[in-house]
Amino acid sequence: MIKAIVRPEKSSEVLKALFEAGYVAVTKTPVVGRGKQRGIKIGDITYDELPKEMLMMVIKAEDKDFAVNTIMEAAKTGNGNFGDGKIFISPVEEAYTISRATKEL
């Protein structure tokens, strides 16, 4: 499973790139959080919970590097900036399709 946390304004570009690469099954969820930068400070106000979008997808292990590179290229702003996002990879032991009650993996 790939979980990618990206800037909201880059979410559509990432989804388009994934679709064009053949990855059409993606779940998108709005999230808030902060990374190592601990939020941002504007004037006297510190915003420590920044809006992001989490994209989740389950793919074959052999497609991981290609999918990750696709996400990274589409999600990057400029030469890459703090807050551009994070990608997490984890194994999926089992998956079921509810409408067919069949095991997928």
PDB file of N, CA and C in Angstrom:
ATOM      1  N   MET A   1       0.848  -1.172   0.000  1.00  0.00           N
ATOM      2  CA  MET A   1       0.000   0.000   0.000  1.00  0.00           C
ATOM      3  C   MET A   1       0.892   1.233   0.000  1.00  0.00           C
ATOM      4  N   ILE A   2       0.524   2.169  -0.835  1.00  0.00           N
ATOM      5  CA  ILE A   2       1.202   3.462  -0.855  1.00  0.00           C
ATOM      6  C   ILE A   2       0.252   4.471  -0.235  1.00  0.00           C
ATOM      7  N   LYS A   3       0.744   5.208   0.748  1.00  0.00           N
ATOM      8  CA  LYS A   3       0.017   6.338   1.318  1.00  0.00           C
ATOM      9  C   LYS A   3       0.870   7.567   1.044  1.00  0.00           C
ATOM     10  N   ALA A   4       0.342   8.466   0.239  1.00  0.00           N
ATOM     11  CA  ALA A   4       1.060   9.685  -0.110  1.00  0.00           C
ATOM     12  C   ALA A   4       0.336  10.880   0.483  1.00  0.00           C
ATOM     13  N   ILE A   5       1.069  11.668   1.254  1.00  0.00           N
ATOM     14  CA  ILE A   5       0.526  12.901   1.820  1.00  0.00           C
ATOM     15  C   ILE A   5       1.063  14.036   0.953  1.00  0.00           C
ATOM     16  N   VAL A   6       0.158  14.775   0.285  1.00  0.00           N
ATOM     17  CA  VAL A   6       0.581  15.816  -0.653  1.00  0.00           C
ATOM     18  C   VAL A   6      -0.140  17.121  -0.370  1.00  0.00           C
ATOM     19  N   ARG A   7       0.412  18.191  -0.913  1.00  0.00           N
ATOM     20  CA  ARG A   7      -0.244  19.500  -0.804  1.00  0.00           C
ATOM     21  C   ARG A   7      -1.591  19.434  -1.540  1.00  0.00           C
ATOM     22  N   PRO A   8      -2.629  20.057  -0.989  1.00  0.00           N
ATOM     23  CA  PRO A   8      -3.948  20.008  -1.635  1.00  0.00           C
ATOM     24  C   PRO A   8      -3.926  20.528  -3.070  1.00  0.00           C
ATOM     25  N   GLU A   9      -3.128  21.553  -3.322  1.00  0.00           N
ATOM     26  CA  GLU A   9      -3.087  22.134  -4.663  1.00  0.00           C
ATOM     27  C   GLU A   9      -2.363  21.234  -5.673  1.00  0.00           C
ATOM     28  N   LYS A  10      -1.662  20.201  -5.206  1.00  0.00           N
ATOM     29  CA  LYS A  10      -0.978  19.258  -6.089  1.00  0.00           C
ATOM     30  C   LYS A  10      -1.741  17.946  -6.252  1.00  0.00           C
ATOM     31  N   SER A  11      -2.781  17.762  -5.473  1.00  0.00           N
ATOM     32  CA  SER A  11      -3.538  16.511  -5.473  1.00  0.00           C
ATOM     33  C   SER A  11      -4.066  16.145  -6.862  1.00  0.00           C
ATOM     34  N   SER A  12      -4.665  17.092  -7.559  1.00  0.00           N
ATOM     35  CA  SER A  12      -5.225  16.818  -8.889  1.00  0.00           C
ATOM     36  C   SER A  12      -4.140  16.415  -9.879  1.00  0.00           C
ATOM     37  N   GLU A  13      -2.977  17.064  -9.794  1.00  0.00           N
ATOM     38  CA  GLU A  13      -1.868  16.727 -10.689  1.00  0.00           C
ATOM     39  C   GLU A  13      -1.361  15.309 -10.417  1.00  0.00           C
ATOM     40  N   VAL A  14      -1.293  14.947  -9.140  1.00  0.00           N
ATOM     41  CA  VAL A  14      -0.847  13.602  -8.783  1.00  0.00           C
ATOM     42  C   VAL A  14      -1.857  12.569  -9.268  1.00  0.00           C
ATOM     43  N   LEU A  15      -3.137  12.807  -9.039  1.00  0.00           N
ATOM     44  CA  LEU A  15      -4.174  11.881  -9.495  1.00  0.00           C
ATOM     45  C   LEU A  15      -4.157  11.725 -11.013  1.00  0.00           C
ATOM     46  N   LYS A  16      -3.957  12.825 -11.738  1.00  0.00           N
ATOM     47  CA  LYS A  16      -3.897  12.767 -13.194  1.00  0.00           C
ATOM     48  C   LYS A  16      -2.691  11.940 -13.647  1.00  0.00           C
ATOM     49  N   ALA A  17      -1.537  12.172 -13.025  1.00  0.00           N
ATOM     50  CA  ALA A  17      -0.325  11.427 -13.383  1.00  0.00           C
ATOM     51  C   ALA A  17      -0.501   9.938 -13.105  1.00  0.00           C
ATOM     52  N   LEU A  18      -1.117   9.601 -11.968  1.00  0.00           N
ATOM     53  CA  LEU A  18      -1.353   8.194 -11.644  1.00  0.00           C
ATOM     54  C   LEU A  18      -2.307   7.565 -12.644  1.00  0.00           C
ATOM     55  N   PHE A  19      -3.370   8.286 -12.986  1.00  0.00           N
ATOM     56  CA  PHE A  19      -4.340   7.779 -13.958  1.00  0.00           C
ATOM     57  C   PHE A  19      -3.660   7.512 -15.294  1.00  0.00           C
ATOM     58  N   GLU A  20      -2.858   8.473 -15.759  1.00  0.00           N
ATOM     59  CA  GLU A  20      -2.161   8.320 -17.035  1.00  0.00           C
ATOM     60  C   GLU A  20      -1.147   7.181 -17.001  1.00  0.00           C
ATOM     61  N   ALA A  21      -0.627   6.874 -15.816  1.00  0.00           N
ATOM     62  CA  ALA A  21       0.332   5.774 -15.665  1.00  0.00           C
ATOM     63  C   ALA A  21      -0.378   4.426 -15.502  1.00  0.00           C
ATOM     64  N   GLY A  22      -1.728   4.439 -15.457  1.00  0.00           N
ATOM     65  CA  GLY A  22      -2.472   3.201 -15.359  1.00  0.00           C
ATOM     66  C   GLY A  22      -2.960   2.848 -13.966  1.00  0.00           C
ATOM     67  N   TYR A  23      -2.768   3.745 -13.019  1.00  0.00           N
ATOM     68  CA  TYR A  23      -3.228   3.501 -11.640  1.00  0.00           C
ATOM     69  C   TYR A  23      -4.504   4.300 -11.416  1.00  0.00           C
ATOM     70  N   VAL A  24      -5.636   3.654 -11.618  1.00  0.00           N
ATOM     71  CA  VAL A  24      -6.920   4.354 -11.541  1.00  0.00           C
ATOM     72  C   VAL A  24      -7.597   4.204 -10.183  1.00  0.00           C
ATOM     73  N   ALA A  25      -7.211   3.193  -9.410  1.00  0.00           N
ATOM     74  CA  ALA A  25      -7.846   2.930  -8.114  1.00  0.00           C
ATOM     75  C   ALA A  25      -7.081   3.658  -7.013  1.00  0.00           C
ATOM     76  N   VAL A  26      -7.618   4.794  -6.586  1.00  0.00           N
ATOM     77  CA  VAL A  26      -6.981   5.612  -5.552  1.00  0.00           C
ATOM     78  C   VAL A  26      -8.061   6.136  -4.617  1.00  0.00           C
ATOM     79  N   THR A  27      -7.766   6.160  -3.335  1.00  0.00           N
ATOM     80  CA  THR A  27      -8.656   6.761  -2.347  1.00  0.00           C
ATOM     81  C   THR A  27      -8.031   8.072  -1.896  1.00  0.00           C
ATOM     82  N   LYS A  28      -8.831   9.149  -1.872  1.00  0.00           N
ATOM     83  CA  LYS A  28      -8.337  10.474  -1.476  1.00  0.00           C
ATOM     84  C   LYS A  28      -9.070  10.938  -0.224  1.00  0.00           C
ATOM     85  N   THR A  29      -8.306  11.391   0.763  1.00  0.00           N
ATOM     86  CA  THR A  29      -8.875  11.852   2.024  1.00  0.00           C
ATOM     87  C   THR A  29      -8.217  13.159   2.442  1.00  0.00           C
ATOM     88  N   PRO A  30      -8.998  14.170   2.837  1.00  0.00           N
ATOM     89  CA  PRO A  30      -8.371  15.383   3.376  1.00  0.00           C
ATOM     90  C   PRO A  30      -7.830  15.097   4.779  1.00  0.00           C
ATOM     91  N   VAL A  31      -6.626  15.576   5.056  1.00  0.00           N
ATOM     92  CA  VAL A  31      -6.000  15.393   6.365  1.00  0.00           C
ATOM     93  C   VAL A  31      -5.333  16.692   6.787  1.00  0.00           C
ATOM     94  N   VAL A  32      -4.974  16.802   8.043  1.00  0.00           N
ATOM     95  CA  VAL A  32      -4.179  17.929   8.533  1.00  0.00           C
ATOM     96  C   VAL A  32      -3.017  17.371   9.344  1.00  0.00           C
ATOM     97  N   GLY A  33      -1.953  18.117   9.376  1.00  0.00           N
ATOM     98  CA  GLY A  33      -0.798  17.678  10.152  1.00  0.00           C
ATOM     99  C   GLY A  33       0.378  18.599   9.929  1.00  0.00           C
ATOM    100  N   ARG A  34       1.518  18.144  10.388  1.00  0.00           N
ATOM    101  CA  ARG A  34       2.745  18.905  10.195  1.00  0.00           C
ATOM    102  C   ARG A  34       3.914  17.931  10.145  1.00  0.00           C
ATOM    103  N   GLY A  35       4.970  18.382   9.524  1.00  0.00           N
ATOM    104  CA  GLY A  35       6.182  17.575   9.428  1.00  0.00           C
ATOM    105  C   GLY A  35       7.283  18.176  10.279  1.00  0.00           C
ATOM    106  N   LYS A  36       8.507  17.956   9.849  1.00  0.00           N
ATOM    107  CA  LYS A  36       9.661  18.448  10.597  1.00  0.00           C
ATOM    108  C   LYS A  36       9.683  19.963  10.723  1.00  0.00           C
ATOM    109  N   GLN A  37       9.044  20.657   9.773  1.00  0.00           N
ATOM    110  CA  GLN A  37       9.065  22.116   9.811  1.00  0.00           C
ATOM    111  C   GLN A  37       8.184  22.677  10.926  1.00  0.00           C
ATOM    112  N   ARG A  38       7.390  21.824  11.564  1.00  0.00           N
ATOM    113  CA  ARG A  38       6.532  22.208  12.703  1.00  0.00           C
ATOM    114  C   ARG A  38       5.509  23.286  12.339  1.00  0.00           C
ATOM    115  N   GLY A  39       4.993  23.223  11.137  1.00  0.00           N
ATOM    116  CA  GLY A  39       4.012  24.209  10.703  1.00  0.00           C
ATOM    117  C   GLY A  39       4.689  25.435  10.124  1.00  0.00           C
ATOM    118  N   ILE A  40       3.923  26.518   9.990  1.00  0.00           N
ATOM    119  CA  ILE A  40       4.496  27.760   9.481  1.00  0.00           C
ATOM    120  C   ILE A  40       4.077  28.912  10.377  1.00  0.00           C
ATOM    121  N   LYS A  41       4.923  29.942  10.418  1.00  0.00           N
ATOM    122  CA  LYS A  41       4.622  31.127  11.221  1.00  0.00           C
ATOM    123  C   LYS A  41       4.437  32.300  10.279  1.00  0.00           C
ATOM    124  N   ILE A  42       3.283  32.946  10.401  1.00  0.00           N
ATOM    125  CA  ILE A  42       2.980  34.138   9.623  1.00  0.00           C
ATOM    126  C   ILE A  42       2.684  35.244  10.620  1.00  0.00           C
ATOM    127  N   GLY A  43       3.585  36.215  10.694  1.00  0.00           N
ATOM    128  CA  GLY A  43       3.457  37.263  11.695  1.00  0.00           C
ATOM    129  C   GLY A  43       3.603  36.668  13.084  1.00  0.00           C
ATOM    130  N   ASP A  44       2.637  36.929  13.945  1.00  0.00           N
ATOM    131  CA  ASP A  44       2.651  36.386  15.305  1.00  0.00           C
ATOM    132  C   ASP A  44       1.902  35.063  15.422  1.00  0.00           C
ATOM    133  N   ILE A  45       1.332  34.596  14.330  1.00  0.00           N
ATOM    134  CA  ILE A  45       0.499  33.389  14.382  1.00  0.00           C
ATOM    135  C   ILE A  45       1.266  32.196  13.808  1.00  0.00           C
ATOM    136  N   THR A  46       1.250  31.075  14.552  1.00  0.00           N
ATOM    137  CA  THR A  46       1.846  29.835  14.084  1.00  0.00           C
ATOM    138  C   THR A  46       0.730  28.872  13.705  1.00  0.00           C
ATOM    139  N   TYR A  47       0.793  28.380  12.484  1.00  0.00           N
ATOM    140  CA  TYR A  47      -0.164  27.386  12.002  1.00  0.00           C
ATOM    141  C   TYR A  47       0.537  26.038  12.079  1.00  0.00           C
ATOM    142  N   ASP A  48       0.182  25.238  13.098  1.00  0.00           N
ATOM    143  CA  ASP A  48       0.883  23.973  13.290  1.00  0.00           C
ATOM    144  C   ASP A  48       0.125  22.771  12.723  1.00  0.00           C
ATOM    145  N   GLU A  49      -1.055  22.985  12.195  1.00  0.00           N
ATOM    146  CA  GLU A  49      -1.791  21.926  11.506  1.00  0.00           C
ATOM    147  C   GLU A  49      -2.126  22.436  10.115  1.00  0.00           C
ATOM    148  N   LEU A  50      -1.417  21.893   9.133  1.00  0.00           N
ATOM    149  CA  LEU A  50      -1.569  22.351   7.763  1.00  0.00           C
ATOM    150  C   LEU A  50      -2.425  21.370   6.965  1.00  0.00           C
ATOM    151  N   PRO A  51      -3.278  21.872   6.070  1.00  0.00           N
ATOM    152  CA  PRO A  51      -4.115  20.979   5.270  1.00  0.00           C
ATOM    153  C   PRO A  51      -3.279  20.233   4.230  1.00  0.00           C
ATOM    154  N   LYS A  52      -3.562  18.959   4.086  1.00  0.00           N
ATOM    155  CA  LYS A  52      -2.923  18.098   3.091  1.00  0.00           C
ATOM    156  C   LYS A  52      -3.992  17.148   2.556  1.00  0.00           C
ATOM    157  N   GLU A  53      -3.631  16.363   1.561  1.00  0.00           N
ATOM    158  CA  GLU A  53      -4.506  15.315   1.048  1.00  0.00           C
ATOM    159  C   GLU A  53      -3.734  14.005   1.137  1.00  0.00           C
ATOM    160  N   MET A  54      -4.404  12.948   1.590  1.00  0.00           N
ATOM    161  CA  MET A  54      -3.776  11.635   1.627  1.00  0.00           C
ATOM    162  C   MET A  54      -4.357  10.795   0.496  1.00  0.00           C
ATOM    163  N   LEU A  55      -3.464  10.277  -0.342  1.00  0.00           N
ATOM    164  CA  LEU A  55      -3.846   9.394  -1.427  1.00  0.00           C
ATOM    165  C   LEU A  55      -3.385   7.995  -1.070  1.00  0.00           C
ATOM    166  N   MET A  56      -4.292   7.038  -1.122  1.00  0.00           N
ATOM    167  CA  MET A  56      -3.955   5.648  -0.770  1.00  0.00           C
ATOM    168  C   MET A  56      -4.245   4.758  -1.967  1.00  0.00           C
ATOM    169  N   MET A  57      -3.330   3.834  -2.210  1.00  0.00           N
ATOM    170  CA  MET A  57      -3.520   2.886  -3.291  1.00  0.00           C
ATOM    171  C   MET A  57      -2.771   1.608  -3.000  1.00  0.00           C
ATOM    172  N   VAL A  58      -3.338   0.507  -3.433  1.00  0.00           N
ATOM    173  CA  VAL A  58      -2.696  -0.797  -3.278  1.00  0.00           C
ATOM    174  C   VAL A  58      -2.276  -1.244  -4.673  1.00  0.00           C
ATOM    175  N   ILE A  59      -1.004  -1.551  -4.815  1.00  0.00           N
ATOM    176  CA  ILE A  59      -0.464  -1.955  -6.107  1.00  0.00           C
ATOM    177  C   ILE A  59       0.407  -3.189  -5.936  1.00  0.00           C
ATOM    178  N   LYS A  60       0.813  -3.775  -7.042  1.00  0.00           N
ATOM    179  CA  LYS A  60       1.723  -4.907  -7.013  1.00  0.00           C
ATOM    180  C   LYS A  60       3.106  -4.425  -6.568  1.00  0.00           C
ATOM    181  N   ALA A  61       3.803  -5.262  -5.823  1.00  0.00           N
ATOM    182  CA  ALA A  61       5.119  -4.897  -5.292  1.00  0.00           C
ATOM    183  C   ALA A  61       6.078  -4.476  -6.402  1.00  0.00           C
ATOM    184  N   GLU A  62       6.012  -5.139  -7.544  1.00  0.00           N
ATOM    185  CA  GLU A  62       6.949  -4.813  -8.623  1.00  0.00           C
ATOM    186  C   GLU A  62       6.669  -3.448  -9.268  1.00  0.00           C
ATOM    187  N   ASP A  63       5.498  -2.850  -8.996  1.00  0.00           N
ATOM    188  CA  ASP A  63       5.154  -1.527  -9.526  1.00  0.00           C
ATOM    189  C   ASP A  63       5.500  -0.390  -8.570  1.00  0.00           C
ATOM    190  N   LYS A  64       5.972  -0.732  -7.376  1.00  0.00           N
ATOM    191  CA  LYS A  64       6.176   0.272  -6.322  1.00  0.00           C
ATOM    192  C   LYS A  64       7.066   1.432  -6.758  1.00  0.00           C
ATOM    193  N   ASP A  65       8.254   1.144  -7.267  1.00  0.00           N
ATOM    194  CA  ASP A  65       9.195   2.219  -7.608  1.00  0.00           C
ATOM    195  C   ASP A  65       8.624   3.151  -8.672  1.00  0.00           C
ATOM    196  N   PHE A  66       7.985   2.584  -9.685  1.00  0.00           N
ATOM    197  CA  PHE A  66       7.396   3.404 -10.746  1.00  0.00           C
ATOM    198  C   PHE A  66       6.287   4.300 -10.191  1.00  0.00           C
ATOM    199  N   ALA A  67       5.420   3.735  -9.369  1.00  0.00           N
ATOM    200  CA  ALA A  67       4.314   4.501  -8.793  1.00  0.00           C
ATOM    201  C   ALA A  67       4.834   5.604  -7.870  1.00  0.00           C
ATOM    202  N   VAL A  68       5.819   5.284  -7.047  1.00  0.00           N
ATOM    203  CA  VAL A  68       6.397   6.281  -6.136  1.00  0.00           C
ATOM    204  C   VAL A  68       7.028   7.414  -6.934  1.00  0.00           C
ATOM    205  N   ASN A  69       7.786   7.094  -7.970  1.00  0.00           N
ATOM    206  CA  ASN A  69       8.406   8.135  -8.797  1.00  0.00           C
ATOM    207  C   ASN A  69       7.362   8.996  -9.486  1.00  0.00           C
ATOM    208  N   THR A  70       6.266   8.377  -9.935  1.00  0.00           N
ATOM    209  CA  THR A  70       5.175   9.124 -10.557  1.00  0.00           C
ATOM    210  C   THR A  70       4.588  10.134  -9.574  1.00  0.00           C
ATOM    211  N   ILE A  71       4.357   9.691  -8.343  1.00  0.00           N
ATOM    212  CA  ILE A  71       3.811  10.580  -7.305  1.00  0.00           C
ATOM    213  C   ILE A  71       4.799  11.698  -6.992  1.00  0.00           C
ATOM    214  N   MET A  72       6.060  11.348  -6.806  1.00  0.00           N
ATOM    215  CA  MET A  72       7.067  12.354  -6.435  1.00  0.00           C
ATOM    216  C   MET A  72       7.201  13.436  -7.497  1.00  0.00           C
ATOM    217  N   GLU A  73       7.235  13.041  -8.755  1.00  0.00           N
ATOM    218  CA  GLU A  73       7.377  14.028  -9.827  1.00  0.00           C
ATOM    219  C   GLU A  73       6.165  14.958  -9.901  1.00  0.00           C
ATOM    220  N   ALA A  74       4.971  14.412  -9.729  1.00  0.00           N
ATOM    221  CA  ALA A  74       3.749  15.215  -9.836  1.00  0.00           C
ATOM    222  C   ALA A  74       3.512  16.080  -8.598  1.00  0.00           C
ATOM    223  N   ALA A  75       3.977  15.640  -7.437  1.00  0.00           N
ATOM    224  CA  ALA A  75       3.690  16.350  -6.180  1.00  0.00           C
ATOM    225  C   ALA A  75       4.721  17.419  -5.848  1.00  0.00           C
ATOM    226  N   LYS A  76       5.887  17.349  -6.457  1.00  0.00           N
ATOM    227  CA  LYS A  76       6.980  18.270  -6.122  1.00  0.00           C
ATOM    228  C   LYS A  76       6.665  19.683  -6.589  1.00  0.00           C
ATOM    229  N   THR A  77       6.966  20.662  -5.746  1.00  0.00           N
ATOM    230  CA  THR A  77       6.856  22.067  -6.135  1.00  0.00           C
ATOM    231  C   THR A  77       8.264  22.588  -6.365  1.00  0.00           C
ATOM    232  N   GLY A  78       8.487  23.219  -7.489  1.00  0.00           N
ATOM    233  CA  GLY A  78       9.819  23.755  -7.791  1.00  0.00           C
ATOM    234  C   GLY A  78      10.862  22.649  -7.762  1.00  0.00           C
ATOM    235  N   ASN A  79      11.936  22.902  -7.036  1.00  0.00           N
ATOM    236  CA  ASN A  79      12.994  21.904  -6.889  1.00  0.00           C
ATOM    237  C   ASN A  79      12.749  21.006  -5.691  1.00  0.00           C
ATOM    238  N   GLY A  80      11.587  21.114  -5.103  1.00  0.00           N
ATOM    239  CA  GLY A  80      11.259  20.362  -3.900  1.00  0.00           C
ATOM    240  C   GLY A  80      11.379  21.290  -2.700  1.00  0.00           C
ATOM    241  N   ASN A  81      10.326  21.418  -1.961  1.00  0.00           N
ATOM    242  CA  ASN A  81      10.292  22.320  -0.814  1.00  0.00           C
ATOM    243  C   ASN A  81       9.803  21.588   0.417  1.00  0.00           C
ATOM    244  N   PHE A  82      10.134  22.150   1.603  1.00  0.00           N
ATOM    245  CA  PHE A  82       9.560  21.612   2.827  1.00  0.00           C
ATOM    246  C   PHE A  82       8.050  21.678   2.698  1.00  0.00           C
ATOM    247  N   GLY A  83       7.388  20.633   3.146  1.00  0.00           N
ATOM    248  CA  GLY A  83       5.937  20.605   3.102  1.00  0.00           C
ATOM    249  C   GLY A  83       5.359  20.034   1.822  1.00  0.00           C
ATOM    250  N   ASP A  84       6.228  19.583   0.886  1.00  0.00           N
ATOM    251  CA  ASP A  84       5.705  18.996  -0.350  1.00  0.00           C
ATOM    252  C   ASP A  84       5.014  17.672  -0.083  1.00  0.00           C
ATOM    253  N   GLY A  85       5.370  16.997   0.996  1.00  0.00           N
ATOM    254  CA  GLY A  85       4.660  15.779   1.343  1.00  0.00           C
ATOM    255  C   GLY A  85       5.561  14.642   1.763  1.00  0.00           C
ATOM    256  N   LYS A  86       4.948  13.483   1.894  1.00  0.00           N
ATOM    257  CA  LYS A  86       5.631  12.280   2.361  1.00  0.00           C
ATOM    258  C   LYS A  86       4.936  11.084   1.737  1.00  0.00           C
ATOM    259  N   ILE A  87       5.706  10.021   1.499  1.00  0.00           N
ATOM    260  CA  ILE A  87       5.149   8.784   0.961  1.00  0.00           C
ATOM    261  C   ILE A  87       5.521   7.650   1.902  1.00  0.00           C
ATOM    262  N   PHE A  88       4.526   6.860   2.275  1.00  0.00           N
ATOM    263  CA  PHE A  88       4.727   5.712   3.148  1.00  0.00           C
ATOM    264  C   PHE A  88       4.353   4.437   2.388  1.00  0.00           C
ATOM    265  N   ILE A  89       5.150   3.404   2.560  1.00  0.00           N
ATOM    266  CA  ILE A  89       4.905   2.118   1.913  1.00  0.00           C
ATOM    267  C   ILE A  89       4.706   1.063   3.001  1.00  0.00           C
ATOM    268  N   SER A  90       3.667   0.259   2.865  1.00  0.00           N
ATOM    269  CA  SER A  90       3.458  -0.827   3.826  1.00  0.00           C
ATOM    270  C   SER A  90       2.849  -2.026   3.099  1.00  0.00           C
ATOM    271  N   PRO A  91       3.123  -3.218   3.611  1.00  0.00           N
ATOM    272  CA  PRO A  91       2.551  -4.409   2.980  1.00  0.00           C
ATOM    273  C   PRO A  91       1.061  -4.537   3.298  1.00  0.00           C
ATOM    274  N   VAL A  92       0.336  -5.145   2.379  1.00  0.00           N
ATOM    275  CA  VAL A  92      -1.078  -5.461   2.589  1.00  0.00           C
ATOM    276  C   VAL A  92      -1.186  -6.975   2.597  1.00  0.00           C
ATOM    277  N   GLU A  93      -1.615  -7.523   3.721  1.00  0.00           N
ATOM    278  CA  GLU A  93      -1.679  -8.974   3.871  1.00  0.00           C
ATOM    279  C   GLU A  93      -2.890  -9.580   3.172  1.00  0.00           C
ATOM    280  N   GLU A  94      -4.025  -8.901   3.251  1.00  0.00           N
ATOM    281  CA  GLU A  94      -5.249  -9.403   2.632  1.00  0.00           C
ATOM    282  C   GLU A  94      -6.101  -8.224   2.194  1.00  0.00           C
ATOM    283  N   ALA A  95      -6.914  -8.450   1.156  1.00  0.00           N
ATOM    284  CA  ALA A  95      -7.883  -7.458   0.702  1.00  0.00           C
ATOM    285  C   ALA A  95      -9.100  -8.197   0.161  1.00  0.00           C
ATOM    286  N   TYR A  96     -10.262  -7.645   0.377  1.00  0.00           N
ATOM    287  CA  TYR A  96     -11.505  -8.268  -0.067  1.00  0.00           C
ATOM    288  C   TYR A  96     -12.340  -7.246  -0.825  1.00  0.00           C
ATOM    289  N   THR A  97     -13.007  -7.689  -1.866  1.00  0.00           N
ATOM    290  CA  THR A  97     -13.982  -6.862  -2.562  1.00  0.00           C
ATOM    291  C   THR A  97     -15.343  -7.171  -1.958  1.00  0.00           C
ATOM    292  N   ILE A  98     -15.956  -6.182  -1.358  1.00  0.00           N
ATOM    293  CA  ILE A  98     -17.205  -6.386  -0.625  1.00  0.00           C
ATOM    294  C   ILE A  98     -18.325  -6.866  -1.540  1.00  0.00           C
ATOM    295  N   SER A  99     -18.470  -6.263  -2.714  1.00  0.00           N
ATOM    296  CA  SER A  99     -19.584  -6.618  -3.591  1.00  0.00           C
ATOM    297  C   SER A  99     -19.504  -8.062  -4.097  1.00  0.00           C
ATOM    298  N   ARG A 100     -18.298  -8.615  -4.161  1.00  0.00           N
ATOM    299  CA  ARG A 100     -18.147  -9.998  -4.628  1.00  0.00           C
ATOM    300  C   ARG A 100     -17.762 -10.950  -3.516  1.00  0.00           C
ATOM    301  N   ALA A 101     -17.479 -10.390  -2.360  1.00  0.00           N
ATOM    302  CA  ALA A 101     -17.053 -11.213  -1.208  1.00  0.00           C
ATOM    303  C   ALA A 101     -15.932 -12.151  -1.580  1.00  0.00           C
ATOM    304  N   THR A 102     -14.981 -11.636  -2.368  1.00  0.00           N
ATOM    305  CA  THR A 102     -13.856 -12.452  -2.789  1.00  0.00           C
ATOM    306  C   THR A 102     -12.552 -11.851  -2.296  1.00  0.00           C
ATOM    307  N   LYS A 103     -11.609 -12.709  -2.037  1.00  0.00           N
ATOM    308  CA  LYS A 103     -10.288 -12.277  -1.598  1.00  0.00           C
ATOM    309  C   LYS A 103      -9.495 -11.818  -2.820  1.00  0.00           C
ATOM    310  N   GLU A 104      -8.806 -10.680  -2.690  1.00  0.00           N
ATOM    311  CA  GLU A 104      -8.089 -10.096  -3.815  1.00  0.00           C
ATOM    312  C   GLU A 104      -6.620 -10.521  -3.859  1.00  0.00           C
ATOM    313  N   LEU A 105      -5.983 -10.668  -2.714  1.00  0.00           N
ATOM    314  CA  LEU A 105      -4.548 -10.948  -2.702  1.00  0.00           C
ATOM    315  C   LEU A 105      -4.267 -12.394  -2.367  1.00  0.00           C
TER     316      LEU A 105
END
